[in-house]
């Protein structure tokens, strides 16, 4: 792990929309452009599971993952090759940025596929029944997570009128420990009212992009990276 959080950024796009209609892609661009301007030495690795979905796990994947590495067949090793690649990207990252539109109140299937590929025994978590009712322990640590989301409706925040339907935030924050992210190191920026296409949506869109730029400044400053001088 490097001393400067944010030196390496892993950017996950999961929107099925690949063009300008994708709000989370645009929001991700705002955040990453601001981050890169403030810290030009940052390395960004992009994984677009929306445009190029990863294969879902199946019985063969599970059998391979739970077989000790020394006992795996060549077929098993081949079955885990993509998972190894995705996990290597995660291990190298200091900051994880996930573009996650809300589909039917939860994450896109493409994002769930990525989560299942990187949540793997022996690589991102250990499992020991001697720990009692909490046998899972994360292997990775000290990472930060930025969740950039868009929703067609509104009121999904805690206490909001649709809070009980928010399966997206629950899915991501519940799995963040697999990625080495503590609850206090999760940041969320959300665009709402997308399907209403009214002034509330326009305000939400403007506010989210402003928050993305401000968060880039906050993270580069807190990581020990020296922001570049800005004129004007």
C-alpha atoms as a PDB file:
ATOM      1  CA  UNK A   1       0.000   0.000   0.000  1.00  0.00           C
ATOM      2  CA  UNK A   2       1.402   3.400  -0.923  1.00  0.00           C
ATOM      3  CA  UNK A   3       1.560   6.303   1.534  1.00  0.00           C
ATOM      4  CA  UNK A   4      -0.579   8.596  -0.664  1.00  0.00           C
ATOM      5  CA  UNK A   5      -4.193   7.546  -0.888  1.00  0.00           C
ATOM      6  CA  UNK A   6      -5.471   8.223  -4.387  1.00  0.00           C
ATOM      7  CA  UNK A   7      -2.228   7.638  -6.283  1.00  0.00           C
ATOM      8  CA  UNK A   8      -3.960   4.791  -8.119  1.00  0.00           C
ATOM      9  CA  UNK A   9      -7.644   5.091  -9.026  1.00  0.00           C
ATOM     10  CA  UNK A  10      -9.866   2.243 -10.208  1.00  0.00           C
ATOM     11  CA  UNK A  11     -12.891   3.579 -12.103  1.00  0.00           C
ATOM     12  CA  UNK A  12     -15.813   1.196 -12.617  1.00  0.00           C
ATOM     13  CA  UNK A  13     -18.541   2.209 -15.076  1.00  0.00           C
ATOM     14  CA  UNK A  14     -21.680   0.078 -14.954  1.00  0.00           C
ATOM     15  CA  UNK A  15     -24.263   2.067 -16.904  1.00  0.00           C
ATOM     16  CA  UNK A  16     -25.873   0.270 -19.826  1.00  0.00           C
ATOM     17  CA  UNK A  17     -25.873   3.639 -21.585  1.00  0.00           C
ATOM     18  CA  UNK A  18     -22.519   4.223 -23.215  1.00  0.00           C
ATOM     19  CA  UNK A  19     -23.036   7.661 -24.698  1.00  0.00           C
ATOM     20  CA  UNK A  20     -23.948  11.145 -23.565  1.00  0.00           C
ATOM     21  CA  UNK A  21     -27.271   9.949 -22.141  1.00  0.00           C
ATOM     22  CA  UNK A  22     -25.443   8.302 -19.230  1.00  0.00           C
ATOM     23  CA  UNK A  23     -25.533  10.629 -16.238  1.00  0.00           C
ATOM     24  CA  UNK A  24     -23.149   8.529 -14.161  1.00  0.00           C
ATOM     25  CA  UNK A  25     -20.532   8.479 -16.919  1.00  0.00           C
ATOM     26  CA  UNK A  26     -20.679  12.267 -17.171  1.00  0.00           C
ATOM     27  CA  UNK A  27     -20.496  12.604 -13.398  1.00  0.00           C
ATOM     28  CA  UNK A  28     -17.514  10.263 -13.309  1.00  0.00           C
ATOM     29  CA  UNK A  29     -15.780  12.359 -15.949  1.00  0.00           C
ATOM     30  CA  UNK A  30     -16.306  15.507 -13.865  1.00  0.00           C
ATOM     31  CA  UNK A  31     -14.827  13.876 -10.775  1.00  0.00           C
ATOM     32  CA  UNK A  32     -11.866  12.260 -12.536  1.00  0.00           C
ATOM     33  CA  UNK A  33     -11.023  15.340 -14.602  1.00  0.00           C
ATOM     34  CA  UNK A  34     -10.970  17.457 -11.441  1.00  0.00           C
ATOM     35  CA  UNK A  35      -8.947  14.838  -9.596  1.00  0.00           C
ATOM     36  CA  UNK A  36      -6.403  14.522 -12.399  1.00  0.00           C
ATOM     37  CA  UNK A  37      -6.076  18.308 -12.650  1.00  0.00           C
ATOM     38  CA  UNK A  38      -5.337  18.518  -8.944  1.00  0.00           C
ATOM     39  CA  UNK A  39      -3.035  15.494  -8.918  1.00  0.00           C
ATOM     40  CA  UNK A  40      -1.612  14.962 -12.436  1.00  0.00           C
ATOM     41  CA  UNK A  41       0.568  12.031 -11.309  1.00  0.00           C
ATOM     42  CA  UNK A  42      -2.531   9.955 -10.559  1.00  0.00           C
ATOM     43  CA  UNK A  43      -2.868   6.677 -12.454  1.00  0.00           C
ATOM     44  CA  UNK A  44      -6.439   5.821 -13.479  1.00  0.00           C
ATOM     45  CA  UNK A  45      -7.443   2.298 -14.487  1.00  0.00           C
ATOM     46  CA  UNK A  46     -10.895   2.060 -16.076  1.00  0.00           C
ATOM     47  CA  UNK A  47     -13.091  -1.028 -16.164  1.00  0.00           C
ATOM     48  CA  UNK A  48     -16.322  -0.596 -18.114  1.00  0.00           C
ATOM     49  CA  UNK A  49     -18.570  -3.465 -17.069  1.00  0.00           C
ATOM     50  CA  UNK A  50     -21.584  -1.658 -18.513  1.00  0.00           C
ATOM     51  CA  UNK A  51     -20.223  -1.782 -22.053  1.00  0.00           C
ATOM     52  CA  UNK A  52     -18.289  -5.033 -21.553  1.00  0.00           C
ATOM     53  CA  UNK A  53     -20.013  -7.107 -18.833  1.00  0.00           C
ATOM     54  CA  UNK A  54     -17.985  -9.679 -16.936  1.00  0.00           C
ATOM     55  CA  UNK A  55     -19.135 -13.286 -16.930  1.00  0.00           C
ATOM     56  CA  UNK A  56     -21.365 -14.193 -13.968  1.00  0.00           C
ATOM     57  CA  UNK A  57     -20.068 -16.724 -11.491  1.00  0.00           C
ATOM     58  CA  UNK A  58     -21.354 -20.281 -11.824  1.00  0.00           C
ATOM     59  CA  UNK A  59     -20.812 -23.708 -10.282  1.00  0.00           C
ATOM     60  CA  UNK A  60     -17.438 -24.114 -11.998  1.00  0.00           C
ATOM     61  CA  UNK A  61     -16.250 -20.732 -10.709  1.00  0.00           C
ATOM     62  CA  UNK A  62     -17.327 -21.531  -7.161  1.00  0.00           C
ATOM     63  CA  UNK A  63     -15.630 -24.938  -7.242  1.00  0.00           C
ATOM     64  CA  UNK A  64     -12.404 -23.342  -8.484  1.00  0.00           C
ATOM     65  CA  UNK A  65     -12.482 -20.487  -5.963  1.00  0.00           C
ATOM     66  CA  UNK A  66     -12.957 -22.832  -3.012  1.00  0.00           C
ATOM     67  CA  UNK A  67     -10.273 -25.276  -4.131  1.00  0.00           C
ATOM     68  CA  UNK A  68      -6.820 -24.566  -2.579  1.00  0.00           C
ATOM     69  CA  UNK A  69      -4.603 -22.886  -5.215  1.00  0.00           C
ATOM     70  CA  UNK A  70      -2.060 -25.727  -5.241  1.00  0.00           C
ATOM     71  CA  UNK A  71      -4.818 -28.235  -6.019  1.00  0.00           C
ATOM     72  CA  UNK A  72      -6.513 -26.367  -8.876  1.00  0.00           C
ATOM     73  CA  UNK A  73      -6.551 -27.889 -12.316  1.00  0.00           C
ATOM     74  CA  UNK A  74      -5.622 -25.878 -15.397  1.00  0.00           C
ATOM     75  CA  UNK A  75      -9.342 -25.634 -16.170  1.00  0.00           C
ATOM     76  CA  UNK A  76      -9.967 -24.157 -12.721  1.00  0.00           C
ATOM     77  CA  UNK A  77      -7.123 -21.682 -13.077  1.00  0.00           C
ATOM     78  CA  UNK A  78      -8.501 -20.613 -16.446  1.00  0.00           C
ATOM     79  CA  UNK A  79     -11.958 -20.214 -14.914  1.00  0.00           C
ATOM     80  CA  UNK A  80     -10.559 -17.774 -12.346  1.00  0.00           C
ATOM     81  CA  UNK A  81      -8.340 -15.821 -14.728  1.00  0.00           C
ATOM     82  CA  UNK A  82     -10.770 -12.921 -15.175  1.00  0.00           C
ATOM     83  CA  UNK A  83     -11.424 -12.821 -11.449  1.00  0.00           C
ATOM     84  CA  UNK A  84      -7.672 -12.638 -10.804  1.00  0.00           C
ATOM     85  CA  UNK A  85      -7.356  -9.758 -13.263  1.00  0.00           C
ATOM     86  CA  UNK A  86     -10.212  -7.831 -11.676  1.00  0.00           C
ATOM     87  CA  UNK A  87      -8.889  -8.422  -8.175  1.00  0.00           C
ATOM     88  CA  UNK A  88      -5.384  -7.324  -9.192  1.00  0.00           C
ATOM     89  CA  UNK A  89      -6.885  -4.023 -10.389  1.00  0.00           C
ATOM     90  CA  UNK A  90      -8.658  -3.679  -7.056  1.00  0.00           C
ATOM     91  CA  UNK A  91      -5.566  -4.516  -5.020  1.00  0.00           C
ATOM     92  CA  UNK A  92      -3.534  -1.861  -6.845  1.00  0.00           C
ATOM     93  CA  UNK A  93      -6.148   0.844  -6.274  1.00  0.00           C
ATOM     94  CA  UNK A  94      -6.085   3.389  -3.463  1.00  0.00           C
ATOM     95  CA  UNK A  95      -9.352   4.990  -4.537  1.00  0.00           C
ATOM     96  CA  UNK A  96     -12.310   3.140  -6.101  1.00  0.00           C
ATOM     97  CA  UNK A  97     -14.791   5.202  -8.104  1.00  0.00           C
ATOM     98  CA  UNK A  98     -18.013   3.431  -9.100  1.00  0.00           C
ATOM     99  CA  UNK A  99     -20.567   4.834 -11.525  1.00  0.00           C
ATOM    100  CA  UNK A 100     -23.742   3.090 -10.385  1.00  0.00           C
ATOM    101  CA  UNK A 101     -27.130   4.013 -11.850  1.00  0.00           C
ATOM    102  CA  UNK A 102     -30.118   2.647  -9.954  1.00  0.00           C
ATOM    103  CA  UNK A 103     -31.934  -0.018 -11.970  1.00  0.00           C
ATOM    104  CA  UNK A 104     -35.186  -1.268 -10.469  1.00  0.00           C
ATOM    105  CA  UNK A 105     -34.050   0.041  -7.073  1.00  0.00           C
ATOM    106  CA  UNK A 106     -30.802  -1.941  -7.104  1.00  0.00           C
ATOM    107  CA  UNK A 107     -27.429  -2.057  -8.866  1.00  0.00           C
ATOM    108  CA  UNK A 108     -27.104  -2.953 -12.551  1.00  0.00           C
ATOM    109  CA  UNK A 109     -26.560  -6.670 -13.163  1.00  0.00           C
ATOM    110  CA  UNK A 110     -23.201  -5.799 -14.711  1.00  0.00           C
ATOM    111  CA  UNK A 111     -22.046  -4.230 -11.435  1.00  0.00           C
ATOM    112  CA  UNK A 112     -23.306  -7.169  -9.386  1.00  0.00           C
ATOM    113  CA  UNK A 113     -21.305  -9.427 -11.712  1.00  0.00           C
ATOM    114  CA  UNK A 114     -18.133  -7.453 -10.950  1.00  0.00           C
ATOM    115  CA  UNK A 115     -18.834  -7.603  -7.211  1.00  0.00           C
ATOM    116  CA  UNK A 116     -19.223 -11.378  -7.322  1.00  0.00           C
ATOM    117  CA  UNK A 117     -15.971 -11.772  -9.266  1.00  0.00           C
ATOM    118  CA  UNK A 118     -13.883  -9.749  -6.791  1.00  0.00           C
ATOM    119  CA  UNK A 119     -15.422 -11.036  -3.545  1.00  0.00           C
ATOM    120  CA  UNK A 120     -13.283 -14.143  -3.327  1.00  0.00           C
ATOM    121  CA  UNK A 121     -12.006 -16.275  -0.496  1.00  0.00           C
ATOM    122  CA  UNK A 122      -8.252 -16.161  -0.137  1.00  0.00           C
ATOM    123  CA  UNK A 123      -7.920 -13.038  -2.267  1.00  0.00           C
ATOM    124  CA  UNK A 124     -10.161 -10.360  -0.779  1.00  0.00           C
ATOM    125  CA  UNK A 125     -11.419 -12.078   2.385  1.00  0.00           C
ATOM    126  CA  UNK A 126     -10.598 -14.947   4.704  1.00  0.00           C
ATOM    127  CA  UNK A 127     -13.125 -17.273   6.309  1.00  0.00           C
ATOM    128  CA  UNK A 128     -12.560 -18.879   9.706  1.00  0.00           C
ATOM    129  CA  UNK A 129     -15.325 -20.409  11.819  1.00  0.00           C
ATOM    130  CA  UNK A 130     -13.204 -19.966  14.931  1.00  0.00           C
ATOM    131  CA  UNK A 131     -14.269 -16.297  14.729  1.00  0.00           C
ATOM    132  CA  UNK A 132     -17.767 -17.332  15.723  1.00  0.00           C
ATOM    133  CA  UNK A 133     -20.704 -15.570  14.103  1.00  0.00           C
ATOM    134  CA  UNK A 134     -18.412 -13.256  12.111  1.00  0.00           C
ATOM    135  CA  UNK A 135     -16.125 -15.656  10.218  1.00  0.00           C
ATOM    136  CA  UNK A 136     -15.404 -13.304   7.295  1.00  0.00           C
ATOM    137  CA  UNK A 137     -12.458 -10.943   7.625  1.00  0.00           C
ATOM    138  CA  UNK A 138     -11.344  -8.571   4.842  1.00  0.00           C
ATOM    139  CA  UNK A 139      -7.815  -8.965   3.503  1.00  0.00           C
ATOM    140  CA  UNK A 140      -7.617  -5.565   1.789  1.00  0.00           C
ATOM    141  CA  UNK A 141      -7.657  -2.298   3.740  1.00  0.00           C
ATOM    142  CA  UNK A 142      -7.101   1.468   3.686  1.00  0.00           C
ATOM    143  CA  UNK A 143      -8.973   2.185   0.459  1.00  0.00           C
ATOM    144  CA  UNK A 144     -11.548   4.891  -0.246  1.00  0.00           C
ATOM    145  CA  UNK A 145     -14.762   4.514  -2.249  1.00  0.00           C
ATOM    146  CA  UNK A 146     -16.712   7.093  -4.244  1.00  0.00           C
ATOM    147  CA  UNK A 147     -20.197   6.050  -5.419  1.00  0.00           C
ATOM    148  CA  UNK A 148     -21.623   8.180  -8.232  1.00  0.00           C
ATOM    149  CA  UNK A 149     -25.273   7.337  -8.746  1.00  0.00           C
ATOM    150  CA  UNK A 150     -28.328   8.452 -10.681  1.00  0.00           C
ATOM    151  CA  UNK A 151     -31.941   7.635  -9.880  1.00  0.00           C
ATOM    152  CA  UNK A 152     -35.125   8.094 -11.845  1.00  0.00           C
ATOM    153  CA  UNK A 153     -37.141   8.966  -8.743  1.00  0.00           C
ATOM    154  CA  UNK A 154     -36.149  10.698  -5.494  1.00  0.00           C
ATOM    155  CA  UNK A 155     -36.223  10.355  -1.722  1.00  0.00           C
ATOM    156  CA  UNK A 156     -33.878   7.366  -1.362  1.00  0.00           C
ATOM    157  CA  UNK A 157     -31.763   8.941   1.385  1.00  0.00           C
ATOM    158  CA  UNK A 158     -32.103   7.663   4.987  1.00  0.00           C
ATOM    159  CA  UNK A 159     -35.462   8.851   6.228  1.00  0.00           C
ATOM    160  CA  UNK A 160     -36.657   9.638   2.683  1.00  0.00           C
ATOM    161  CA  UNK A 161     -40.004   8.485   1.379  1.00  0.00           C
ATOM    162  CA  UNK A 162     -38.340   5.767  -0.754  1.00  0.00           C
ATOM    163  CA  UNK A 163     -35.532   4.847   1.641  1.00  0.00           C
ATOM    164  CA  UNK A 164     -36.887   1.316   2.094  1.00  0.00           C
ATOM    165  CA  UNK A 165     -36.585   0.722  -1.672  1.00  0.00           C
ATOM    166  CA  UNK A 166     -32.927   1.737  -1.867  1.00  0.00           C
ATOM    167  CA  UNK A 167     -31.259  -1.605  -2.528  1.00  0.00           C
ATOM    168  CA  UNK A 168     -28.433   0.061  -4.484  1.00  0.00           C
ATOM    169  CA  UNK A 169     -26.678   1.803  -1.597  1.00  0.00           C
ATOM    170  CA  UNK A 170     -27.189  -1.223   0.649  1.00  0.00           C
ATOM    171  CA  UNK A 171     -25.620  -3.562  -1.904  1.00  0.00           C
ATOM    172  CA  UNK A 172     -22.542  -1.387  -2.373  1.00  0.00           C
ATOM    173  CA  UNK A 173     -21.913  -0.349   1.224  1.00  0.00           C
ATOM    174  CA  UNK A 174     -22.498  -3.901   2.468  1.00  0.00           C
ATOM    175  CA  UNK A 175     -19.844  -5.258   0.111  1.00  0.00           C
ATOM    176  CA  UNK A 176     -17.336  -2.425   0.527  1.00  0.00           C
ATOM    177  CA  UNK A 177     -15.395  -4.332   3.183  1.00  0.00           C
ATOM    178  CA  UNK A 178     -14.437  -6.880   0.509  1.00  0.00           C
ATOM    179  CA  UNK A 179     -12.668  -4.016  -1.289  1.00  0.00           C
ATOM    180  CA  UNK A 180     -10.798  -2.800   1.787  1.00  0.00           C
ATOM    181  CA  UNK A 181     -13.097   0.172   2.423  1.00  0.00           C
ATOM    182  CA  UNK A 182     -14.231   1.147   5.922  1.00  0.00           C
ATOM    183  CA  UNK A 183     -17.685   2.749   6.358  1.00  0.00           C
ATOM    184  CA  UNK A 184     -16.191   6.169   7.117  1.00  0.00           C
ATOM    185  CA  UNK A 185     -14.281   6.111   3.822  1.00  0.00           C
ATOM    186  CA  UNK A 186     -17.379   5.847   1.589  1.00  0.00           C
ATOM    187  CA  UNK A 187     -18.524   8.972  -0.273  1.00  0.00           C
ATOM    188  CA  UNK A 188     -21.801   9.212  -2.214  1.00  0.00           C
ATOM    189  CA  UNK A 189     -22.942  11.707  -4.821  1.00  0.00           C
ATOM    190  CA  UNK A 190     -26.387  11.252  -6.294  1.00  0.00           C
ATOM    191  CA  UNK A 191     -28.439  12.662  -9.164  1.00  0.00           C
ATOM    192  CA  UNK A 192     -32.196  12.340  -8.683  1.00  0.00           C
ATOM    193  CA  UNK A 193     -35.460  13.135 -10.498  1.00  0.00           C
ATOM    194  CA  UNK A 194     -34.057  11.810 -13.793  1.00  0.00           C
ATOM    195  CA  UNK A 195     -37.419  10.571 -15.073  1.00  0.00           C
ATOM    196  CA  UNK A 196     -39.190  13.801 -14.088  1.00  0.00           C
ATOM    197  CA  UNK A 197     -36.948  15.938 -16.302  1.00  0.00           C
ATOM    198  CA  UNK A 198     -37.991  19.054 -14.431  1.00  0.00           C
ATOM    199  CA  UNK A 199     -36.285  21.888 -12.589  1.00  0.00           C
ATOM    200  CA  UNK A 200     -35.639  19.618  -9.597  1.00  0.00           C
ATOM    201  CA  UNK A 201     -33.667  17.301 -11.848  1.00  0.00           C
ATOM    202  CA  UNK A 202     -31.694  20.168 -13.327  1.00  0.00           C
ATOM    203  CA  UNK A 203     -30.815  21.414  -9.838  1.00  0.00           C
ATOM    204  CA  UNK A 204     -29.864  17.918  -8.727  1.00  0.00           C
ATOM    205  CA  UNK A 205     -27.669  17.473 -11.799  1.00  0.00           C
ATOM    206  CA  UNK A 206     -25.876  20.793 -11.276  1.00  0.00           C
ATOM    207  CA  UNK A 207     -25.401  20.138  -7.565  1.00  0.00           C
ATOM    208  CA  UNK A 208     -23.958  16.654  -8.165  1.00  0.00           C
ATOM    209  CA  UNK A 209     -21.327  17.895 -10.614  1.00  0.00           C
ATOM    210  CA  UNK A 210     -20.358  20.655  -8.191  1.00  0.00           C
ATOM    211  CA  UNK A 211     -20.088  18.114  -5.371  1.00  0.00           C
ATOM    212  CA  UNK A 212     -17.941  15.869  -7.578  1.00  0.00           C
ATOM    213  CA  UNK A 213     -15.412  18.646  -8.161  1.00  0.00           C
ATOM    214  CA  UNK A 214     -15.413  19.554  -4.468  1.00  0.00           C
ATOM    215  CA  UNK A 215     -14.912  15.922  -3.450  1.00  0.00           C
ATOM    216  CA  UNK A 216     -11.923  15.628  -5.800  1.00  0.00           C
ATOM    217  CA  UNK A 217     -10.345  18.586  -4.013  1.00  0.00           C
ATOM    218  CA  UNK A 218     -11.120  17.109  -0.599  1.00  0.00           C
ATOM    219  CA  UNK A 219      -9.646  13.708  -1.416  1.00  0.00           C
ATOM    220  CA  UNK A 220      -6.490  14.977  -3.072  1.00  0.00           C
ATOM    221  CA  UNK A 221      -5.911  17.318  -0.142  1.00  0.00           C
ATOM    222  CA  UNK A 222      -6.542  14.705   2.573  1.00  0.00           C
ATOM    223  CA  UNK A 223      -4.403  12.077   0.808  1.00  0.00           C
ATOM    224  CA  UNK A 224      -1.260  14.119   1.084  1.00  0.00           C
ATOM    225  CA  UNK A 225      -1.145  14.755  -2.661  1.00  0.00           C
ATOM    226  CA  UNK A 226      -0.280  18.362  -3.428  1.00  0.00           C
ATOM    227  CA  UNK A 227      -2.978  19.999  -5.591  1.00  0.00           C
ATOM    228  CA  UNK A 228      -1.607  21.895  -8.559  1.00  0.00           C
ATOM    229  CA  UNK A 229      -1.884  25.670  -8.412  1.00  0.00           C
ATOM    230  CA  UNK A 230      -5.030  27.048 -10.025  1.00  0.00           C
ATOM    231  CA  UNK A 231      -5.257  30.553 -11.428  1.00  0.00           C
ATOM    232  CA  UNK A 232      -8.241  32.822 -11.265  1.00  0.00           C
END
